[in-house]
C-alpha atoms as a PDB file:
ATOM      1  CA  MET A   1      14.343 -17.765  -0.821  1.00  0.00           C
ATOM      2  CA  ARG A   2      12.788 -15.431  -3.406  1.00  0.00           C
ATOM      3  CA  LYS A   3      10.376 -18.080  -4.655  1.00  0.00           C
ATOM      4  CA  ARG A   4       9.210 -18.758  -1.124  1.00  0.00           C
ATOM      5  CA  PHE A   5       8.497 -15.044  -0.609  1.00  0.00           C
ATOM      6  CA  HIS A   6       6.611 -14.794  -3.902  1.00  0.00           C
ATOM      7  CA  TRP A   7       4.451 -17.805  -3.024  1.00  0.00           C
ATOM      8  CA  ALA A   8       3.806 -16.396   0.446  1.00  0.00           C
ATOM      9  CA  ALA A   9       2.787 -13.053  -1.067  1.00  0.00           C
ATOM     10  CA  ILE A  10       0.484 -14.750  -3.573  1.00  0.00           C
ATOM     11  CA  ALA A  11      -1.049 -16.907  -0.834  1.00  0.00           C
ATOM     12  CA  ALA A  12      -1.646 -13.830   1.328  1.00  0.00           C
ATOM     13  CA  LEU A  13      -3.302 -11.989  -1.573  1.00  0.00           C
ATOM     14  CA  VAL A  14      -5.532 -14.967  -2.386  1.00  0.00           C
ATOM     15  CA  ALA A  15      -6.521 -15.289   1.287  1.00  0.00           C
ATOM     16  CA  LEU A  16      -7.305 -11.582   1.394  1.00  0.00           C
ATOM     17  CA  LEU A  17      -9.473 -11.847  -1.703  1.00  0.00           C
ATOM     18  CA  LEU A  18     -11.259 -14.942  -0.414  1.00  0.00           C
ATOM     19  CA  VAL A  19     -12.319 -13.319   2.845  1.00  0.00           C
ATOM     20  CA  ALA A  20     -12.983  -9.914   1.318  1.00  0.00           C
ATOM     21  CA  GLY A  21     -16.640 -10.733   0.724  1.00  0.00           C
ATOM     22  CA  THR A  22     -17.223 -11.480   4.390  1.00  0.00           C
ATOM     23  CA  VAL A  23     -15.592  -8.316   5.661  1.00  0.00           C
ATOM     24  CA  THR A  24     -18.740  -6.215   5.572  1.00  0.00           C
ATOM     25  CA  ALA A  25     -22.258  -7.034   6.698  1.00  0.00           C
ATOM     26  CA  ASP A  26     -24.162  -4.415   4.731  1.00  0.00           C
ATOM     27  CA  ASP A  27     -27.637  -5.114   3.360  1.00  0.00           C
ATOM     28  CA  ASP A  28     -27.662  -2.485   0.597  1.00  0.00           C
ATOM     29  CA  ASP A  29     -29.039  -3.785  -2.676  1.00  0.00           C
ATOM     30  CA  ASP A  30     -27.081  -1.284  -4.796  1.00  0.00           C
ATOM     31  CA  ASP A  31     -23.674  -2.831  -4.190  1.00  0.00           C
ATOM     32  CA  GLY A  32     -22.712  -3.245  -7.839  1.00  0.00           C
ATOM     33  CA  PHE A  33     -22.335  -6.515  -9.692  1.00  0.00           C
ATOM     34  CA  LEU A  34     -20.205  -8.263  -7.033  1.00  0.00           C
ATOM     35  CA  GLY A  35     -22.556  -7.394  -4.185  1.00  0.00           C
ATOM     36  CA  ASP A  36     -20.984  -7.417  -0.741  1.00  0.00           C
ATOM     37  CA  ALA A  37     -17.734  -8.752  -2.194  1.00  0.00           C
ATOM     38  CA  GLY A  38     -17.261  -5.387  -3.913  1.00  0.00           C
ATOM     39  CA  GLU A  39     -17.455  -3.597  -0.568  1.00  0.00           C
ATOM     40  CA  GLY A  40     -15.171  -6.171   0.996  1.00  0.00           C
ATOM     41  CA  LEU A  41     -12.610  -5.537  -1.718  1.00  0.00           C
ATOM     42  CA  GLY A  42     -12.771  -1.846  -0.851  1.00  0.00           C
ATOM     43  CA  THR A  43     -12.082  -2.660   2.776  1.00  0.00           C
ATOM     44  CA  ALA A  44      -9.177  -4.893   1.751  1.00  0.00           C
ATOM     45  CA  ALA A  45      -7.770  -2.116  -0.455  1.00  0.00           C
ATOM     46  CA  ALA A  46      -8.093   0.361   2.412  1.00  0.00           C
ATOM     47  CA  TRP A  47      -6.168  -1.953   4.740  1.00  0.00           C
ATOM     48  CA  GLY A  48      -3.522  -2.430   2.051  1.00  0.00           C
ATOM     49  CA  LEU A  49      -3.149   1.323   1.708  1.00  0.00           C
ATOM     50  CA  ALA A  50      -2.979   1.661   5.503  1.00  0.00           C
ATOM     51  CA  PHE A  51      -0.216  -0.945   5.735  1.00  0.00           C
ATOM     52  CA  SER A  52       1.699   0.655   2.858  1.00  0.00           C
ATOM     53  CA  THR A  53       1.676   3.996   4.655  1.00  0.00           C
ATOM     54  CA  THR A  54       3.239   2.496   7.784  1.00  0.00           C
ATOM     55  CA  ILE A  55       6.544   3.233   6.052  1.00  0.00           C
ATOM     56  CA  ILE A  56       6.073   6.778   7.382  1.00  0.00           C
ATOM     57  CA  ILE A  57       6.674   5.384  10.873  1.00  0.00           C
ATOM     58  CA  TRP A  58       9.036   2.565   9.894  1.00  0.00           C
ATOM     59  CA  LYS A  59      11.763   4.614   8.194  1.00  0.00           C
ATOM     60  CA  PRO A  60      12.334   7.244  10.914  1.00  0.00           C
ATOM     61  CA  GLY A  61      12.156   4.550  13.588  1.00  0.00           C
ATOM     62  CA  LEU A  62      14.689   2.457  11.718  1.00  0.00           C
ATOM     63  CA  LYS A  63      17.054   5.407  11.343  1.00  0.00           C
ATOM     64  CA  TYR A  64      16.779   6.223  15.045  1.00  0.00           C
ATOM     65  CA  ILE A  65      17.438   2.652  16.166  1.00  0.00           C
ATOM     66  CA  ARG A  66      20.384   2.306  13.767  1.00  0.00           C
ATOM     67  CA  ALA A  67      21.906   5.545  15.020  1.00  0.00           C
ATOM     68  CA  ASN A  68      21.543   4.441  18.650  1.00  0.00           C
ATOM     69  CA  ALA A  69      22.210   0.710  18.203  1.00  0.00           C
ATOM     70  CA  ASP A  70      25.316   0.784  20.376  1.00  0.00           C
ATOM     71  CA  LYS A  71      23.336   2.394  23.206  1.00  0.00           C
ATOM     72  CA  ILE A  72      20.443  -0.057  22.937  1.00  0.00           C
ATOM     73  CA  VAL A  73      22.420  -3.326  22.949  1.00  0.00           C
ATOM     74  CA  GLU A  74      26.001  -4.278  23.626  1.00  0.00           C
ATOM     75  CA  ASP A  75      26.649  -5.580  20.111  1.00  0.00           C
ATOM     76  CA  GLY A  76      25.377  -2.756  17.929  1.00  0.00           C
ATOM     77  CA  ARG A  77      26.696  -4.330  14.734  1.00  0.00           C
ATOM     78  CA  TRP A  78      24.514  -7.386  15.278  1.00  0.00           C
ATOM     79  CA  LEU A  79      21.426  -5.200  15.708  1.00  0.00           C
ATOM     80  CA  LYS A  80      22.249  -3.121  12.626  1.00  0.00           C
ATOM     81  CA  LYS A  81      22.652  -6.296  10.575  1.00  0.00           C
ATOM     82  CA  LYS A  82      19.290  -7.636  11.774  1.00  0.00           C
ATOM     83  CA  LEU A  83      17.643  -4.271  11.123  1.00  0.00           C
ATOM     84  CA  GLY A  84      18.998  -4.261   7.572  1.00  0.00           C
ATOM     85  CA  LYS A  85      17.523  -7.703   6.968  1.00  0.00           C
ATOM     86  CA  ALA A  86      14.184  -6.670   8.496  1.00  0.00           C
ATOM     87  CA  ASN A  87      14.171  -3.513   6.382  1.00  0.00           C
ATOM     88  CA  ARG A  88      14.699  -5.488   3.169  1.00  0.00           C
ATOM     89  CA  TRP A  89      11.765  -7.748   4.088  1.00  0.00           C
ATOM     90  CA  TYR A  90       9.589  -4.806   5.052  1.00  0.00           C
ATOM     91  CA  LEU A  91      10.269  -3.030   1.762  1.00  0.00           C
ATOM     92  CA  LYS A  92       9.414  -6.147  -0.264  1.00  0.00           C
ATOM     93  CA  ILE A  93       6.136  -6.455   1.613  1.00  0.00           C
ATOM     94  CA  HIS A  94       5.554  -2.706   1.151  1.00  0.00           C
ATOM     95  CA  TYR A  95       5.960  -3.072  -2.632  1.00  0.00           C
ATOM     96  CA  TRP A  96       3.638  -6.044  -2.974  1.00  0.00           C
ATOM     97  CA  VAL A  97       0.943  -4.854  -0.579  1.00  0.00           C
ATOM     98  CA  GLY A  98       0.916  -1.405  -2.198  1.00  0.00           C
ATOM     99  CA  ALA A  99       0.575  -2.880  -5.690  1.00  0.00           C
ATOM    100  CA  ALA A 100      -2.118  -5.285  -4.476  1.00  0.00           C
ATOM    101  CA  ALA A 101      -4.023  -2.400  -2.861  1.00  0.00           C
ATOM    102  CA  VAL A 102      -4.047  -0.535  -6.185  1.00  0.00           C
ATOM    103  CA  LEU A 103      -5.262  -3.620  -8.069  1.00  0.00           C
ATOM    104  CA  VAL A 104      -7.887  -4.534  -5.470  1.00  0.00           C
ATOM    105  CA  GLY A 105      -8.985  -0.889  -5.298  1.00  0.00           C
ATOM    106  CA  PHE A 106      -9.497  -0.890  -9.071  1.00  0.00           C
ATOM    107  CA  ILE A 107     -11.579  -4.076  -8.936  1.00  0.00           C
ATOM    108  CA  HIS A 108     -13.569  -2.544  -6.059  1.00  0.00           C
ATOM    109  CA  GLY A 109     -14.244   0.614  -8.060  1.00  0.00           C
ATOM    110  CA  VAL A 110     -15.413  -1.298 -11.114  1.00  0.00           C
ATOM    111  CA  ALA A 111     -17.500  -3.688  -9.015  1.00  0.00           C
ATOM    112  CA  MET A 112     -19.252  -0.875  -7.170  1.00  0.00           C
ATOM    113  CA  ASN A 113     -20.143   0.770 -10.488  1.00  0.00           C
ATOM    114  CA  LYS A 114     -19.361   4.293  -9.277  1.00  0.00           C
ATOM    115  CA  TRP A 115     -17.915   6.403 -12.075  1.00  0.00           C
ATOM    116  CA  GLU A 116     -17.821   9.885 -10.558  1.00  0.00           C
ATOM    117  CA  VAL A 117     -14.451  11.635 -10.694  1.00  0.00           C
ATOM    118  CA  LEU A 118     -14.273  12.038  -6.928  1.00  0.00           C
ATOM    119  CA  PHE A 119     -14.411   8.277  -6.379  1.00  0.00           C
ATOM    120  CA  TRP A 120     -11.628   7.606  -8.863  1.00  0.00           C
ATOM    121  CA  GLY A 121      -9.438  10.526  -7.753  1.00  0.00           C
ATOM    122  CA  GLY A 122      -8.236   8.632  -4.688  1.00  0.00           C
ATOM    123  CA  TRP A 123      -7.454   5.574  -6.769  1.00  0.00           C
ATOM    124  CA  VAL A 124      -5.472   7.700  -9.227  1.00  0.00           C
ATOM    125  CA  GLY A 125      -3.444   8.975  -6.254  1.00  0.00           C
ATOM    126  CA  MET A 126      -2.758   5.373  -5.204  1.00  0.00           C
ATOM    127  CA  LEU A 127      -1.772   4.488  -8.772  1.00  0.00           C
ATOM    128  CA  PHE A 128       0.499   7.542  -8.973  1.00  0.00           C
ATOM    129  CA  MET A 129       2.311   6.553  -5.772  1.00  0.00           C
ATOM    130  CA  SER A 130       2.627   2.986  -7.029  1.00  0.00           C
ATOM    131  CA  ILE A 131       4.062   4.030 -10.405  1.00  0.00           C
ATOM    132  CA  THR A 132       6.548   6.479  -8.907  1.00  0.00           C
ATOM    133  CA  GLY A 133       7.545   3.848  -6.353  1.00  0.00           C
ATOM    134  CA  SER A 134       8.099   1.244  -9.040  1.00  0.00           C
ATOM    135  CA  LEU A 135      10.312   3.671 -10.985  1.00  0.00           C
ATOM    136  CA  LEU A 136      12.653   3.594  -7.993  1.00  0.00           C
ATOM    137  CA  LEU A 137      13.066  -0.174  -8.301  1.00  0.00           C
ATOM    138  CA  TRP A 138      13.767  -0.514 -12.022  1.00  0.00           C
ATOM    139  CA  LYS A 139      17.193  -0.082 -13.531  1.00  0.00           C
ATOM    140  CA  TRP A 140      15.897   1.644 -16.672  1.00  0.00           C
ATOM    141  CA  PRO A 141      15.148   5.215 -15.616  1.00  0.00           C
ATOM    142  CA  PRO A 142      18.026   7.688 -15.737  1.00  0.00           C
ATOM    143  CA  ARG A 143      19.207   9.245 -12.497  1.00  0.00           C
ATOM    144  CA  LYS A 144      17.155  12.440 -13.038  1.00  0.00           C
ATOM    145  CA  VAL A 145      13.961  10.436 -13.487  1.00  0.00           C
ATOM    146  CA  LYS A 146      14.679   8.385 -10.372  1.00  0.00           C
ATOM    147  CA  LYS A 147      15.389  11.540  -8.365  1.00  0.00           C
ATOM    148  CA  GLY A 148      12.096  13.097  -9.478  1.00  0.00           C
ATOM    149  CA  ALA A 149      10.231   9.851  -8.819  1.00  0.00           C
ATOM    150  CA  ARG A 150      11.709   9.644  -5.321  1.00  0.00           C
ATOM    151  CA  LEU A 151      10.633  13.217  -4.559  1.00  0.00           C
ATOM    152  CA  LEU A 152       7.114  12.589  -5.850  1.00  0.00           C
ATOM    153  CA  HIS A 153       6.768   9.171  -4.202  1.00  0.00           C
ATOM    154  CA  ALA A 154       7.879  10.438  -0.801  1.00  0.00           C
ATOM    155  CA  GLN A 155       5.710  13.560  -1.033  1.00  0.00           C
ATOM    156  CA  ARG A 156       3.307  13.581   1.919  1.00  0.00           C
ATOM    157  CA  ALA A 157       0.935  15.944   0.102  1.00  0.00           C
ATOM    158  CA  VAL A 158       0.104  13.264  -2.494  1.00  0.00           C
ATOM    159  CA  LEU A 159      -0.712  10.801   0.277  1.00  0.00           C
ATOM    160  CA  VAL A 160      -2.834  13.317   2.180  1.00  0.00           C
ATOM    161  CA  ILE A 161      -4.765  14.323  -0.963  1.00  0.00           C
ATOM    162  CA  THR A 162      -5.318  10.648  -1.813  1.00  0.00           C
ATOM    163  CA  ILE A 163      -6.644   9.828   1.644  1.00  0.00           C
ATOM    164  CA  VAL A 164      -8.849  12.941   1.730  1.00  0.00           C
ATOM    165  CA  LEU A 165     -10.322  12.090  -1.687  1.00  0.00           C
ATOM    166  CA  LEU A 166     -10.992   8.514  -0.636  1.00  0.00           C
ATOM    167  CA  PHE A 167     -12.516   9.564   2.678  1.00  0.00           C
ATOM    168  CA  VAL A 168     -14.718  12.329   1.265  1.00  0.00           C
ATOM    169  CA  SER A 169     -15.963  10.258  -1.670  1.00  0.00           C
ATOM    170  CA  HIS A 170     -16.807   7.238   0.452  1.00  0.00           C
ATOM    171  CA  GLU A 171     -18.132   9.012   3.519  1.00  0.00           C
ATOM    172  CA  PHE A 172     -20.239  11.772   2.007  1.00  0.00           C
ATOM    173  CA  PHE A 173     -21.137  10.673  -1.523  1.00  0.00           C
ATOM    174  CA  ASP A 174     -21.585   6.925  -1.172  1.00  0.00           C
END
């Protein structure tokens, strides 16, 4: 089961990277050393970040449905069991897509050959969220570290600052 998920995630990432060059139809000649593929990677990273942030909607919705499962269907236990399974799948996808977005965003930044701090500030925010999120998964960190990582990872301000930095740098200074 795990191997099948890993291969599906790898296949999805490869497919994303293969079509990334065709995502944009821009004729700029200053697209960095990968040309249009560099911009396509940026688009792919943006979509990865967008999907990763859907957890903001997923978690409260999941809690609400679990709390009202008996009111929604006759067999509330069945629904709660299915929701638990769906949540485990969603979180696995959230981990992999978020990590892929950070990696693809890095390749995009290098390919576009933009080295100003503003451009890399958004990527650092993505990396920060990815590192704090991964600390929650590992068994190594002590409880205090995990608690701090959870607070930082779930902090909406970090996400908002990251998105603002990415938007401002790409919209006004690109």
